[in-house]
Amino acid sequence: MPLTPAAVLLDLDGTLIDTERFYQRIWQTTAADFQIDLNDAVYQQFIGIRLTDCFQLIKALGGNGFDLGAFKEQLATRETEGWNAGIDCKPGSQALLNLLHERQIPMALVTSAHQAKIDRVMAHYPWTNYFQIIVSGEMIDRPKPAPDAYQLAAQRLGTTPSTCLALEDSNTGMRSALAAGCHSIMIPDLNTPDSDVQEKACKILPDLFCVIDYLSN
């Protein structure tokens, strides 16, 4: 990777905002209300994928007679309550965005989340102006771990993935960024890095402050 990347492409959930544990909790609590055992091991399948795909997974787990509409309603109620109470950003998020902005390094948000979710986040954190490009889940046909989202972000920034640095918290997201050809750093949240990700990652770092150190040295 060049000393200064042409652009930095950032995931949202679990990377910039501390939502992964929140969503795990409300999904597991709601699943329990429907007598579904959504334990930690099973929930790993839900990390880093689109909401529509999560609903397909829970529908399969629910089996015959499962009321997906009622599940969505209960989940949405818990989600709204959580956002009203406040959800923290990940340590170092604001400092990293400030650093990249000061250095005039273009940024793209590359997320599996749909635009409505992004709008909710931006209502709490006024980060919209930091990002030249936002790639949301509904903008692509093939979600992460396919490379499409990162390829689209680089294309719209007028560069190539090989000149970009991607920041991700999940194995699914890392595989997407790596498949696109990005230099990729994993900051693990709920996922521990799998062997293929460990082998190909540019770095695996504990938090975004370490990413700042990496970019500063």
N, C-alpha and C. Protein backbone atom coordinates (compact mmCIF):
# COMPACT_ATOMS: atom_id res chain seq x y z
N MET A 1 0.84 -1.19 0.00
CA MET A 1 0.00 0.00 0.00
C MET A 1 0.87 1.24 0.00
N PRO A 2 0.49 2.26 -0.75
CA PRO A 2 1.24 3.51 -0.69
C PRO A 2 1.25 4.05 0.73
N LEU A 3 2.24 4.90 1.02
CA LEU A 3 2.34 5.48 2.36
C LEU A 3 1.04 6.17 2.75
N THR A 4 0.45 6.88 1.80
CA THR A 4 -0.87 7.47 2.01
C THR A 4 -1.84 6.83 1.03
N PRO A 5 -2.90 6.17 1.52
CA PRO A 5 -3.84 5.54 0.59
C PRO A 5 -4.58 6.58 -0.24
N ALA A 6 -4.98 6.17 -1.44
CA ALA A 6 -5.77 7.08 -2.29
C ALA A 6 -7.13 7.36 -1.66
N ALA A 7 -7.62 6.42 -0.87
CA ALA A 7 -8.91 6.58 -0.19
C ALA A 7 -8.97 5.56 0.94
N VAL A 8 -9.80 5.85 1.91
CA VAL A 8 -10.06 4.90 2.99
C VAL A 8 -11.54 4.53 2.94
N LEU A 9 -11.81 3.23 2.92
CA LEU A 9 -13.16 2.70 2.78
C LEU A 9 -13.54 2.03 4.10
N LEU A 10 -14.58 2.53 4.74
CA LEU A 10 -14.88 2.12 6.11
C LEU A 10 -16.24 1.42 6.21
N ASP A 11 -16.23 0.30 6.90
CA ASP A 11 -17.47 -0.35 7.30
C ASP A 11 -18.13 0.47 8.40
N LEU A 12 -19.39 0.19 8.69
CA LEU A 12 -20.13 0.96 9.69
C LEU A 12 -20.32 0.17 10.99
N ASP A 13 -21.19 -0.84 10.97
CA ASP A 13 -21.53 -1.57 12.20
C ASP A 13 -20.34 -2.37 12.72
N GLY A 14 -19.98 -2.10 13.96
CA GLY A 14 -18.88 -2.81 14.58
C GLY A 14 -17.52 -2.22 14.28
N THR A 15 -17.47 -1.34 13.29
CA THR A 15 -16.21 -0.68 12.93
C THR A 15 -16.22 0.77 13.41
N LEU A 16 -17.23 1.53 13.01
CA LEU A 16 -17.35 2.92 13.44
C LEU A 16 -18.30 3.10 14.62
N ILE A 17 -19.34 2.28 14.66
CA ILE A 17 -20.29 2.39 15.77
C ILE A 17 -20.43 1.04 16.47
N ASP A 18 -20.70 1.10 17.77
CA ASP A 18 -20.68 -0.10 18.61
C ASP A 18 -22.05 -0.76 18.62
N THR A 19 -22.48 -1.19 17.44
CA THR A 19 -23.82 -1.74 17.31
C THR A 19 -23.87 -3.26 17.30
N GLU A 20 -22.77 -3.93 17.04
CA GLU A 20 -22.84 -5.38 16.86
C GLU A 20 -23.37 -6.08 18.10
N ARG A 21 -22.88 -5.72 19.28
CA ARG A 21 -23.37 -6.36 20.50
C ARG A 21 -24.82 -5.98 20.79
N PHE A 22 -25.16 -4.73 20.50
CA PHE A 22 -26.55 -4.30 20.66
C PHE A 22 -27.48 -5.13 19.79
N TYR A 23 -27.13 -5.30 18.51
CA TYR A 23 -28.00 -6.06 17.62
C TYR A 23 -28.00 -7.54 17.97
N GLN A 24 -26.87 -8.06 18.40
CA GLN A 24 -26.86 -9.45 18.84
C GLN A 24 -27.84 -9.65 20.00
N ARG A 25 -27.82 -8.72 20.95
CA ARG A 25 -28.69 -8.85 22.12
C ARG A 25 -30.16 -8.79 21.73
N ILE A 26 -30.55 -7.82 20.88
CA ILE A 26 -31.98 -7.71 20.57
C ILE A 26 -32.44 -8.83 19.64
N TRP A 27 -31.57 -9.31 18.77
CA TRP A 27 -31.95 -10.46 17.94
C TRP A 27 -32.12 -11.71 18.79
N GLN A 28 -31.19 -11.93 19.72
CA GLN A 28 -31.29 -13.13 20.55
C GLN A 28 -32.49 -13.07 21.49
N THR A 29 -32.76 -11.89 22.05
CA THR A 29 -33.90 -11.74 22.94
C THR A 29 -35.21 -11.95 22.19
N THR A 30 -35.31 -11.38 21.00
CA THR A 30 -36.52 -11.54 20.20
C THR A 30 -36.67 -12.98 19.74
N ALA A 31 -35.57 -13.60 19.35
CA ALA A 31 -35.63 -15.02 18.94
C ALA A 31 -36.13 -15.89 20.09
N ALA A 32 -35.67 -15.60 21.30
CA ALA A 32 -36.12 -16.39 22.46
C ALA A 32 -37.62 -16.25 22.67
N ASP A 33 -38.18 -15.06 22.38
CA ASP A 33 -39.63 -14.87 22.49
C ASP A 33 -40.39 -15.80 21.54
N PHE A 34 -39.73 -16.21 20.46
CA PHE A 34 -40.35 -17.10 19.46
C PHE A 34 -39.83 -18.54 19.58
N GLN A 35 -39.22 -18.84 20.73
CA GLN A 35 -38.68 -20.18 21.02
C GLN A 35 -37.64 -20.63 20.00
N ILE A 36 -36.82 -19.68 19.56
CA ILE A 36 -35.71 -19.98 18.65
C ILE A 36 -34.41 -19.85 19.43
N ASP A 37 -33.57 -20.88 19.35
CA ASP A 37 -32.27 -20.86 20.06
C ASP A 37 -31.23 -20.20 19.17
N LEU A 38 -31.17 -18.89 19.25
CA LEU A 38 -30.18 -18.13 18.47
C LEU A 38 -28.96 -17.89 19.36
N ASN A 39 -28.21 -18.96 19.60
CA ASN A 39 -27.05 -18.85 20.49
C ASN A 39 -25.89 -18.14 19.79
N ASP A 40 -24.83 -17.88 20.55
CA ASP A 40 -23.72 -17.09 20.01
C ASP A 40 -23.10 -17.73 18.77
N ALA A 41 -22.98 -19.06 18.78
CA ALA A 41 -22.37 -19.74 17.64
C ALA A 41 -23.23 -19.59 16.39
N VAL A 42 -24.54 -19.75 16.54
CA VAL A 42 -25.44 -19.60 15.39
C VAL A 42 -25.46 -18.15 14.92
N TYR A 43 -25.39 -17.22 15.86
CA TYR A 43 -25.47 -15.80 15.50
C TYR A 43 -24.29 -15.35 14.64
N GLN A 44 -23.19 -16.08 14.68
CA GLN A 44 -22.04 -15.71 13.84
C GLN A 44 -22.44 -15.59 12.37
N GLN A 45 -23.43 -16.36 11.95
CA GLN A 45 -23.88 -16.31 10.55
C GLN A 45 -24.53 -14.97 10.21
N PHE A 46 -25.00 -14.24 11.22
CA PHE A 46 -25.74 -13.00 11.01
C PHE A 46 -24.83 -11.78 10.90
N ILE A 47 -23.56 -11.94 11.23
CA ILE A 47 -22.66 -10.79 11.33
C ILE A 47 -22.15 -10.39 9.95
N GLY A 48 -22.29 -9.12 9.62
CA GLY A 48 -21.71 -8.57 8.39
C GLY A 48 -22.54 -8.77 7.14
N ILE A 49 -23.79 -9.28 7.29
CA ILE A 49 -24.63 -9.51 6.11
C ILE A 49 -25.82 -8.55 6.12
N ARG A 50 -26.55 -8.53 5.01
CA ARG A 50 -27.67 -7.60 4.89
C ARG A 50 -28.85 -8.03 5.76
N LEU A 51 -29.66 -7.05 6.13
CA LEU A 51 -30.82 -7.33 6.97
C LEU A 51 -31.76 -8.32 6.30
N THR A 52 -31.97 -8.18 5.00
CA THR A 52 -32.86 -9.11 4.30
C THR A 52 -32.35 -10.54 4.41
N ASP A 53 -31.04 -10.71 4.37
CA ASP A 53 -30.47 -12.05 4.51
C ASP A 53 -30.61 -12.56 5.94
N CYS A 54 -30.50 -11.65 6.92
CA CYS A 54 -30.72 -12.03 8.32
C CYS A 54 -32.14 -12.55 8.51
N PHE A 55 -33.10 -11.89 7.90
CA PHE A 55 -34.49 -12.32 8.03
C PHE A 55 -34.71 -13.69 7.38
N GLN A 56 -34.03 -13.96 6.30
CA GLN A 56 -34.14 -15.28 5.69
C GLN A 56 -33.57 -16.36 6.60
N LEU A 57 -32.46 -16.03 7.28
CA LEU A 57 -31.87 -16.99 8.21
C LEU A 57 -32.81 -17.27 9.39
N ILE A 58 -33.38 -16.22 9.97
CA ILE A 58 -34.26 -16.42 11.13
C ILE A 58 -35.54 -17.14 10.71
N LYS A 59 -36.00 -16.90 9.50
CA LYS A 59 -37.18 -17.60 9.00
C LYS A 59 -36.92 -19.09 8.89
N ALA A 60 -35.73 -19.45 8.41
CA ALA A 60 -35.36 -20.86 8.31
C ALA A 60 -35.25 -21.49 9.69
N LEU A 61 -34.70 -20.75 10.65
CA LEU A 61 -34.57 -21.27 12.01
C LEU A 61 -35.93 -21.41 12.68
N GLY A 62 -36.87 -20.52 12.32
CA GLY A 62 -38.19 -20.55 12.95
C GLY A 62 -39.05 -21.72 12.51
N GLY A 63 -38.84 -22.19 11.30
CA GLY A 63 -39.58 -23.36 10.82
C GLY A 63 -41.03 -23.06 10.48
N ASN A 64 -41.81 -24.13 10.35
CA ASN A 64 -43.22 -23.99 9.98
C ASN A 64 -43.99 -23.22 11.04
N GLY A 65 -44.83 -22.31 10.58
CA GLY A 65 -45.65 -21.54 11.49
C GLY A 65 -44.99 -20.31 12.07
N PHE A 66 -43.74 -20.08 11.72
CA PHE A 66 -43.04 -18.90 12.24
C PHE A 66 -43.63 -17.64 11.65
N ASP A 67 -43.93 -16.66 12.50
CA ASP A 67 -44.55 -15.40 12.07
C ASP A 67 -43.45 -14.35 11.92
N LEU A 68 -42.92 -14.23 10.71
CA LEU A 68 -41.83 -13.30 10.47
C LEU A 68 -42.28 -11.86 10.68
N GLY A 69 -43.50 -11.54 10.31
CA GLY A 69 -44.00 -10.18 10.49
C GLY A 69 -44.01 -9.78 11.96
N ALA A 70 -44.47 -10.66 12.83
CA ALA A 70 -44.50 -10.38 14.26
C ALA A 70 -43.08 -10.26 14.82
N PHE A 71 -42.19 -11.10 14.31
CA PHE A 71 -40.78 -11.02 14.73
C PHE A 71 -40.20 -9.66 14.38
N LYS A 72 -40.45 -9.21 13.16
CA LYS A 72 -39.93 -7.91 12.72
C LYS A 72 -40.46 -6.77 13.59
N GLU A 73 -41.73 -6.85 13.96
CA GLU A 73 -42.32 -5.80 14.78
C GLU A 73 -41.66 -5.73 16.15
N GLN A 74 -41.46 -6.88 16.78
CA GLN A 74 -40.82 -6.90 18.10
C GLN A 74 -39.38 -6.42 18.01
N LEU A 75 -38.68 -6.86 16.97
CA LEU A 75 -37.29 -6.46 16.79
C LEU A 75 -37.21 -4.94 16.58
N ALA A 76 -38.09 -4.39 15.77
CA ALA A 76 -38.08 -2.96 15.48
C ALA A 76 -38.34 -2.15 16.75
N THR A 77 -39.24 -2.64 17.60
CA THR A 77 -39.53 -1.95 18.86
C THR A 77 -38.29 -1.89 19.73
N ARG A 78 -37.60 -3.02 19.86
CA ARG A 78 -36.38 -3.05 20.67
C ARG A 78 -35.28 -2.17 20.04
N GLU A 79 -35.20 -2.16 18.72
CA GLU A 79 -34.19 -1.35 18.05
C GLU A 79 -34.43 0.14 18.32
N THR A 80 -35.69 0.57 18.21
CA THR A 80 -36.02 1.98 18.46
C THR A 80 -35.72 2.36 19.90
N GLU A 81 -36.06 1.49 20.84
CA GLU A 81 -35.78 1.76 22.25
C GLU A 81 -34.27 1.92 22.48
N GLY A 82 -33.49 1.08 21.82
CA GLY A 82 -32.04 1.14 21.98
C GLY A 82 -31.45 2.42 21.42
N TRP A 83 -31.90 2.82 20.23
CA TRP A 83 -31.39 4.05 19.63
C TRP A 83 -31.82 5.27 20.42
N ASN A 84 -33.03 5.24 20.97
CA ASN A 84 -33.48 6.36 21.79
C ASN A 84 -32.65 6.49 23.05
N ALA A 85 -32.20 5.36 23.58
CA ALA A 85 -31.34 5.38 24.77
C ALA A 85 -29.93 5.82 24.44
N GLY A 86 -29.52 5.63 23.18
CA GLY A 86 -28.19 6.04 22.74
C GLY A 86 -27.26 4.87 22.53
N ILE A 87 -26.56 4.86 21.42
CA ILE A 87 -25.57 3.82 21.09
C ILE A 87 -24.23 4.50 20.84
N ASP A 88 -23.20 3.97 21.46
CA ASP A 88 -21.88 4.60 21.39
C ASP A 88 -21.20 4.35 20.05
N CYS A 89 -20.34 5.27 19.67
CA CYS A 89 -19.43 5.00 18.55
C CYS A 89 -18.25 4.20 19.10
N LYS A 90 -17.52 3.55 18.22
CA LYS A 90 -16.36 2.77 18.63
C LYS A 90 -15.23 3.72 19.05
N PRO A 91 -14.45 3.34 20.05
CA PRO A 91 -13.33 4.19 20.47
C PRO A 91 -12.40 4.52 19.31
N GLY A 92 -12.15 5.81 19.12
CA GLY A 92 -11.25 6.26 18.05
C GLY A 92 -11.95 6.64 16.77
N SER A 93 -13.27 6.41 16.67
CA SER A 93 -13.99 6.71 15.43
C SER A 93 -13.85 8.17 15.03
N GLN A 94 -14.21 9.06 15.94
CA GLN A 94 -14.18 10.49 15.61
C GLN A 94 -12.77 10.96 15.33
N ALA A 95 -11.81 10.49 16.12
CA ALA A 95 -10.42 10.91 15.91
C ALA A 95 -9.90 10.44 14.55
N LEU A 96 -10.27 9.23 14.14
CA LEU A 96 -9.84 8.72 12.84
C LEU A 96 -10.47 9.54 11.71
N LEU A 97 -11.75 9.80 11.78
CA LEU A 97 -12.41 10.58 10.73
C LEU A 97 -11.81 11.98 10.65
N ASN A 98 -11.52 12.57 11.80
CA ASN A 98 -10.89 13.90 11.81
C ASN A 98 -9.52 13.86 11.14
N LEU A 99 -8.73 12.85 11.46
CA LEU A 99 -7.39 12.72 10.88
C LEU A 99 -7.45 12.61 9.36
N LEU A 100 -8.31 11.73 8.86
CA LEU A 100 -8.42 11.53 7.41
C LEU A 100 -8.93 12.80 6.73
N HIS A 101 -9.87 13.48 7.37
CA HIS A 101 -10.38 14.73 6.82
C HIS A 101 -9.29 15.80 6.76
N GLU A 102 -8.51 15.91 7.83
CA GLU A 102 -7.43 16.90 7.86
C GLU A 102 -6.38 16.61 6.80
N ARG A 103 -6.15 15.34 6.54
CA ARG A 103 -5.16 14.95 5.52
C ARG A 103 -5.74 14.95 4.11
N GLN A 104 -7.01 15.27 4.01
CA GLN A 104 -7.71 15.33 2.72
C GLN A 104 -7.67 13.99 1.99
N ILE A 105 -7.80 12.93 2.76
CA ILE A 105 -7.89 11.59 2.19
C ILE A 105 -9.36 11.26 1.98
N PRO A 106 -9.79 11.00 0.77
CA PRO A 106 -11.21 10.70 0.53
C PRO A 106 -11.66 9.47 1.32
N MET A 107 -12.91 9.51 1.74
CA MET A 107 -13.48 8.42 2.51
C MET A 107 -14.79 7.95 1.89
N ALA A 108 -15.01 6.64 1.97
CA ALA A 108 -16.30 6.08 1.57
C ALA A 108 -16.80 5.19 2.70
N LEU A 109 -18.10 5.24 2.93
CA LEU A 109 -18.74 4.32 3.86
C LEU A 109 -19.25 3.14 3.04
N VAL A 110 -18.83 1.94 3.42
CA VAL A 110 -19.17 0.74 2.64
C VAL A 110 -19.81 -0.26 3.61
N THR A 111 -21.13 -0.35 3.54
CA THR A 111 -21.86 -1.09 4.57
C THR A 111 -22.94 -1.98 3.97
N SER A 112 -23.24 -3.06 4.68
CA SER A 112 -24.38 -3.90 4.30
C SER A 112 -25.70 -3.32 4.76
N ALA A 113 -25.64 -2.30 5.61
CA ALA A 113 -26.86 -1.68 6.13
C ALA A 113 -27.61 -0.96 5.02
N HIS A 114 -28.92 -0.91 5.15
CA HIS A 114 -29.73 -0.17 4.19
C HIS A 114 -29.74 1.31 4.55
N GLN A 115 -30.19 2.14 3.61
CA GLN A 115 -30.09 3.59 3.78
C GLN A 115 -30.86 4.08 5.01
N ALA A 116 -31.98 3.46 5.32
CA ALA A 116 -32.75 3.89 6.50
C ALA A 116 -31.94 3.74 7.77
N LYS A 117 -31.18 2.66 7.86
CA LYS A 117 -30.30 2.45 9.02
C LYS A 117 -29.18 3.49 9.04
N ILE A 118 -28.61 3.76 7.88
CA ILE A 118 -27.54 4.76 7.79
C ILE A 118 -28.07 6.13 8.22
N ASP A 119 -29.26 6.47 7.77
CA ASP A 119 -29.86 7.75 8.14
C ASP A 119 -30.04 7.85 9.65
N ARG A 120 -30.42 6.75 10.28
CA ARG A 120 -30.59 6.74 11.74
C ARG A 120 -29.25 6.98 12.43
N VAL A 121 -28.20 6.35 11.93
CA VAL A 121 -26.87 6.55 12.51
C VAL A 121 -26.45 8.01 12.36
N MET A 122 -26.63 8.56 11.16
CA MET A 122 -26.18 9.92 10.90
C MET A 122 -26.99 10.96 11.67
N ALA A 123 -28.17 10.59 12.10
CA ALA A 123 -28.94 11.49 12.95
C ALA A 123 -28.32 11.61 14.34
N HIS A 124 -27.60 10.57 14.75
CA HIS A 124 -26.92 10.58 16.05
C HIS A 124 -25.49 11.09 15.93
N TYR A 125 -24.84 10.76 14.81
CA TYR A 125 -23.45 11.16 14.60
C TYR A 125 -23.36 11.93 13.28
N PRO A 126 -23.06 13.22 13.33
CA PRO A 126 -23.07 14.05 12.12
C PRO A 126 -21.84 13.82 11.25
N TRP A 127 -21.78 12.65 10.66
CA TRP A 127 -20.61 12.25 9.89
C TRP A 127 -20.81 12.33 8.39
N THR A 128 -21.98 12.68 7.94
CA THR A 128 -22.28 12.62 6.50
C THR A 128 -21.25 13.35 5.66
N ASN A 129 -20.82 14.51 6.09
CA ASN A 129 -19.90 15.32 5.30
C ASN A 129 -18.49 14.76 5.23
N TYR A 130 -18.20 13.78 6.06
CA TYR A 130 -16.87 13.15 5.98
C TYR A 130 -16.75 12.25 4.75
N PHE A 131 -17.88 11.72 4.30
CA PHE A 131 -17.85 10.68 3.27
C PHE A 131 -18.20 11.25 1.90
N GLN A 132 -17.28 11.06 0.96
CA GLN A 132 -17.56 11.46 -0.42
C GLN A 132 -18.57 10.51 -1.07
N ILE A 133 -18.53 9.25 -0.62
CA ILE A 133 -19.39 8.21 -1.21
C ILE A 133 -19.95 7.37 -0.06
N ILE A 134 -21.21 6.98 -0.18
CA ILE A 134 -21.81 5.99 0.72
C ILE A 134 -22.38 4.86 -0.14
N VAL A 135 -21.90 3.65 0.11
CA VAL A 135 -22.43 2.46 -0.56
C VAL A 135 -23.23 1.68 0.47
N SER A 136 -24.53 1.58 0.25
CA SER A 136 -25.43 0.89 1.17
C SER A 136 -25.82 -0.47 0.61
N GLY A 137 -26.47 -1.26 1.46
CA GLY A 137 -26.78 -2.63 1.08
C GLY A 137 -27.66 -2.77 -0.13
N GLU A 138 -28.60 -1.82 -0.32
CA GLU A 138 -29.53 -1.95 -1.45
C GLU A 138 -28.92 -1.50 -2.78
N MET A 139 -27.70 -0.98 -2.74
CA MET A 139 -27.07 -0.48 -3.97
C MET A 139 -26.37 -1.57 -4.77
N ILE A 140 -26.25 -2.76 -4.19
CA ILE A 140 -25.50 -3.83 -4.85
C ILE A 140 -26.34 -5.09 -4.94
N ASP A 141 -26.07 -5.89 -5.98
CA ASP A 141 -26.79 -7.15 -6.15
C ASP A 141 -26.18 -8.26 -5.31
N ARG A 142 -24.86 -8.26 -5.23
CA ARG A 142 -24.17 -9.30 -4.46
C ARG A 142 -23.57 -8.68 -3.20
N PRO A 143 -24.07 -9.04 -2.03
CA PRO A 143 -23.58 -8.43 -0.79
C PRO A 143 -22.23 -9.00 -0.36
N LYS A 144 -21.63 -8.38 0.64
CA LYS A 144 -20.43 -8.95 1.26
C LYS A 144 -20.74 -10.41 1.64
N PRO A 145 -19.84 -11.35 1.40
CA PRO A 145 -18.42 -11.23 1.12
C PRO A 145 -18.03 -11.06 -0.36
N ALA A 146 -19.01 -10.91 -1.25
CA ALA A 146 -18.66 -10.58 -2.64
C ALA A 146 -17.96 -9.22 -2.67
N PRO A 147 -17.11 -8.97 -3.66
CA PRO A 147 -16.32 -7.74 -3.69
C PRO A 147 -17.06 -6.51 -4.19
N ASP A 148 -18.32 -6.66 -4.61
CA ASP A 148 -19.02 -5.62 -5.35
C ASP A 148 -19.07 -4.27 -4.62
N ALA A 149 -19.34 -4.29 -3.32
CA ALA A 149 -19.50 -3.02 -2.59
C ALA A 149 -18.21 -2.22 -2.59
N TYR A 150 -17.10 -2.88 -2.36
CA TYR A 150 -15.82 -2.18 -2.34
C TYR A 150 -15.39 -1.76 -3.75
N GLN A 151 -15.67 -2.58 -4.72
CA GLN A 151 -15.37 -2.20 -6.10
C GLN A 151 -16.16 -0.95 -6.50
N LEU A 152 -17.44 -0.92 -6.12
CA LEU A 152 -18.28 0.23 -6.46
C LEU A 152 -17.78 1.49 -5.76
N ALA A 153 -17.40 1.37 -4.50
CA ALA A 153 -16.90 2.54 -3.76
C ALA A 153 -15.66 3.11 -4.42
N ALA A 154 -14.71 2.25 -4.76
CA ALA A 154 -13.48 2.72 -5.39
C ALA A 154 -13.78 3.35 -6.75
N GLN A 155 -14.65 2.72 -7.52
CA GLN A 155 -15.01 3.25 -8.84
C GLN A 155 -15.60 4.65 -8.72
N ARG A 156 -16.51 4.83 -7.78
CA ARG A 156 -17.17 6.13 -7.63
C ARG A 156 -16.24 7.20 -7.07
N LEU A 157 -15.17 6.76 -6.40
CA LEU A 157 -14.16 7.71 -5.93
C LEU A 157 -13.12 8.01 -7.02
N GLY A 158 -13.23 7.32 -8.15
CA GLY A 158 -12.31 7.56 -9.26
C GLY A 158 -10.96 6.93 -9.06
N THR A 159 -10.91 5.82 -8.31
CA THR A 159 -9.63 5.15 -8.08
C THR A 159 -9.83 3.65 -8.21
N THR A 160 -8.83 2.87 -7.86
CA THR A 160 -8.92 1.42 -7.92
C THR A 160 -8.79 0.84 -6.52
N PRO A 161 -9.38 -0.32 -6.26
CA PRO A 161 -9.30 -0.89 -4.91
C PRO A 161 -7.87 -1.10 -4.41
N SER A 162 -6.96 -1.38 -5.32
CA SER A 162 -5.58 -1.66 -4.90
C SER A 162 -4.87 -0.46 -4.30
N THR A 163 -5.41 0.74 -4.51
CA THR A 163 -4.82 1.95 -3.92
C THR A 163 -5.55 2.37 -2.64
N CYS A 164 -6.55 1.58 -2.25
CA CYS A 164 -7.40 1.96 -1.11
C CYS A 164 -7.10 1.11 0.12
N LEU A 165 -7.38 1.68 1.27
CA LEU A 165 -7.32 0.97 2.54
C LEU A 165 -8.74 0.75 3.03
N ALA A 166 -9.07 -0.50 3.34
CA ALA A 166 -10.40 -0.84 3.88
C ALA A 166 -10.27 -1.20 5.35
N LEU A 167 -11.26 -0.77 6.13
CA LEU A 167 -11.30 -1.06 7.56
C LEU A 167 -12.58 -1.83 7.85
N GLU A 168 -12.44 -3.00 8.44
CA GLU A 168 -13.56 -3.90 8.69
C GLU A 168 -13.43 -4.57 10.05
N ASP A 169 -14.57 -4.99 10.60
CA ASP A 169 -14.54 -5.70 11.89
C ASP A 169 -14.87 -7.17 11.76
N SER A 170 -15.43 -7.61 10.62
CA SER A 170 -15.91 -8.98 10.49
C SER A 170 -15.16 -9.74 9.41
N ASN A 171 -15.20 -11.07 9.51
CA ASN A 171 -14.59 -11.91 8.47
C ASN A 171 -15.31 -11.73 7.14
N THR A 172 -16.64 -11.60 7.18
CA THR A 172 -17.41 -11.39 5.96
C THR A 172 -16.98 -10.11 5.25
N GLY A 173 -16.86 -9.03 6.02
CA GLY A 173 -16.43 -7.77 5.43
C GLY A 173 -15.01 -7.80 4.92
N MET A 174 -14.13 -8.45 5.68
CA MET A 174 -12.74 -8.56 5.25
C MET A 174 -12.62 -9.34 3.95
N ARG A 175 -13.37 -10.41 3.82
CA ARG A 175 -13.32 -11.19 2.57
C ARG A 175 -13.80 -10.36 1.39
N SER A 176 -14.79 -9.52 1.62
CA SER A 176 -15.27 -8.63 0.56
C SER A 176 -14.18 -7.67 0.12
N ALA A 177 -13.57 -6.99 1.10
CA ALA A 177 -12.54 -6.00 0.78
C ALA A 177 -11.33 -6.65 0.14
N LEU A 178 -10.92 -7.79 0.65
CA LEU A 178 -9.75 -8.49 0.09
C LEU A 178 -10.04 -9.00 -1.32
N ALA A 179 -11.24 -9.51 -1.55
CA ALA A 179 -11.60 -9.99 -2.89
C ALA A 179 -11.61 -8.86 -3.90
N ALA A 180 -11.95 -7.66 -3.42
CA ALA A 180 -11.94 -6.49 -4.31
C ALA A 180 -10.52 -6.03 -4.63
N GLY A 181 -9.56 -6.42 -3.80
CA GLY A 181 -8.17 -6.03 -4.01
C GLY A 181 -7.70 -4.92 -3.11
N CYS A 182 -8.50 -4.58 -2.07
CA CYS A 182 -8.10 -3.52 -1.14
C CYS A 182 -7.04 -4.02 -0.16
N HIS A 183 -6.16 -3.12 0.25
CA HIS A 183 -5.35 -3.36 1.43
C HIS A 183 -6.31 -3.24 2.62
N SER A 184 -6.33 -4.24 3.47
CA SER A 184 -7.42 -4.35 4.43
C SER A 184 -6.91 -4.58 5.85
N ILE A 185 -7.46 -3.81 6.77
CA ILE A 185 -7.17 -3.95 8.19
C ILE A 185 -8.42 -4.43 8.90
N MET A 186 -8.27 -5.44 9.73
CA MET A 186 -9.39 -5.92 10.54
C MET A 186 -9.23 -5.41 11.96
N ILE A 187 -10.30 -4.85 12.48
CA ILE A 187 -10.38 -4.46 13.88
C ILE A 187 -11.49 -5.32 14.48
N PRO A 188 -11.16 -6.51 14.96
CA PRO A 188 -12.20 -7.49 15.32
C PRO A 188 -13.15 -6.98 16.39
N ASP A 189 -14.43 -7.32 16.21
CA ASP A 189 -15.45 -6.99 17.20
C ASP A 189 -16.03 -8.31 17.73
N LEU A 190 -17.11 -8.80 17.15
CA LEU A 190 -17.67 -10.09 17.57
C LEU A 190 -16.97 -11.26 16.91
N ASN A 191 -16.40 -11.06 15.74
CA ASN A 191 -15.67 -12.11 15.03
C ASN A 191 -14.21 -12.11 15.44
N THR A 192 -13.65 -13.30 15.67
CA THR A 192 -12.20 -13.42 15.69
C THR A 192 -11.77 -13.75 14.26
N PRO A 193 -10.61 -13.25 13.83
CA PRO A 193 -10.22 -13.46 12.43
C PRO A 193 -10.00 -14.93 12.09
N ASP A 194 -10.63 -15.37 11.01
CA ASP A 194 -10.40 -16.72 10.50
C ASP A 194 -9.01 -16.80 9.87
N SER A 195 -8.55 -18.03 9.64
CA SER A 195 -7.17 -18.24 9.18
C SER A 195 -6.92 -17.58 7.83
N ASP A 196 -7.90 -17.63 6.91
CA ASP A 196 -7.68 -17.03 5.59
C ASP A 196 -7.60 -15.51 5.70
N VAL A 197 -8.36 -14.93 6.61
CA VAL A 197 -8.32 -13.49 6.82
C VAL A 197 -7.01 -13.09 7.49
N GLN A 198 -6.58 -13.86 8.47
CA GLN A 198 -5.30 -13.58 9.12
C GLN A 198 -4.16 -13.59 8.12
N GLU A 199 -4.22 -14.52 7.20
CA GLU A 199 -3.14 -14.66 6.20
C GLU A 199 -3.09 -13.49 5.24
N LYS A 200 -4.24 -12.96 4.86
CA LYS A 200 -4.29 -11.95 3.80
C LYS A 200 -4.40 -10.52 4.31
N ALA A 201 -4.76 -10.34 5.58
CA ALA A 201 -4.95 -8.99 6.11
C ALA A 201 -3.65 -8.21 6.11
N CYS A 202 -3.77 -6.93 5.82
CA CYS A 202 -2.62 -6.04 5.93
C CYS A 202 -2.19 -5.94 7.39
N LYS A 203 -3.16 -5.79 8.27
CA LYS A 203 -2.93 -5.74 9.72
C LYS A 203 -4.20 -6.22 10.41
N ILE A 204 -4.04 -6.74 11.61
CA ILE A 204 -5.15 -6.97 12.52
C ILE A 204 -4.85 -6.18 13.77
N LEU A 205 -5.69 -5.20 14.07
CA LEU A 205 -5.41 -4.24 15.14
C LEU A 205 -6.55 -4.23 16.15
N PRO A 206 -6.26 -3.90 17.40
CA PRO A 206 -7.29 -3.99 18.44
C PRO A 206 -8.32 -2.88 18.44
N ASP A 207 -7.97 -1.70 17.92
CA ASP A 207 -8.93 -0.59 17.93
C ASP A 207 -8.53 0.46 16.90
N LEU A 208 -9.38 1.46 16.75
CA LEU A 208 -9.15 2.49 15.73
C LEU A 208 -8.02 3.44 16.11
N PHE A 209 -7.71 3.56 17.39
CA PHE A 209 -6.55 4.37 17.77
C PHE A 209 -5.27 3.75 17.22
N CYS A 210 -5.23 2.42 17.15
CA CYS A 210 -4.06 1.75 16.56
C CYS A 210 -4.02 1.96 15.05
N VAL A 211 -5.19 2.09 14.42
CA VAL A 211 -5.23 2.42 13.00
C VAL A 211 -4.65 3.82 12.78
N ILE A 212 -4.98 4.75 13.67
CA ILE A 212 -4.42 6.10 13.58
C ILE A 212 -2.91 6.04 13.70
N ASP A 213 -2.39 5.26 14.64
CA ASP A 213 -0.94 5.10 14.80
C ASP A 213 -0.33 4.52 13.54
N TYR A 214 -1.00 3.52 12.96
CA TYR A 214 -0.49 2.88 11.75
C TYR A 214 -0.40 3.88 10.59
N LEU A 215 -1.40 4.71 10.46
CA LEU A 215 -1.40 5.70 9.37
C LEU A 215 -0.44 6.86 9.64
N SER A 216 -0.10 7.05 10.89
CA SER A 216 0.75 8.18 11.27
C SER A 216 2.24 7.85 11.25
N ASN A 217 2.55 6.57 11.19
CA ASN A 217 3.97 6.17 11.25
C ASN A 217 4.45 5.75 9.87
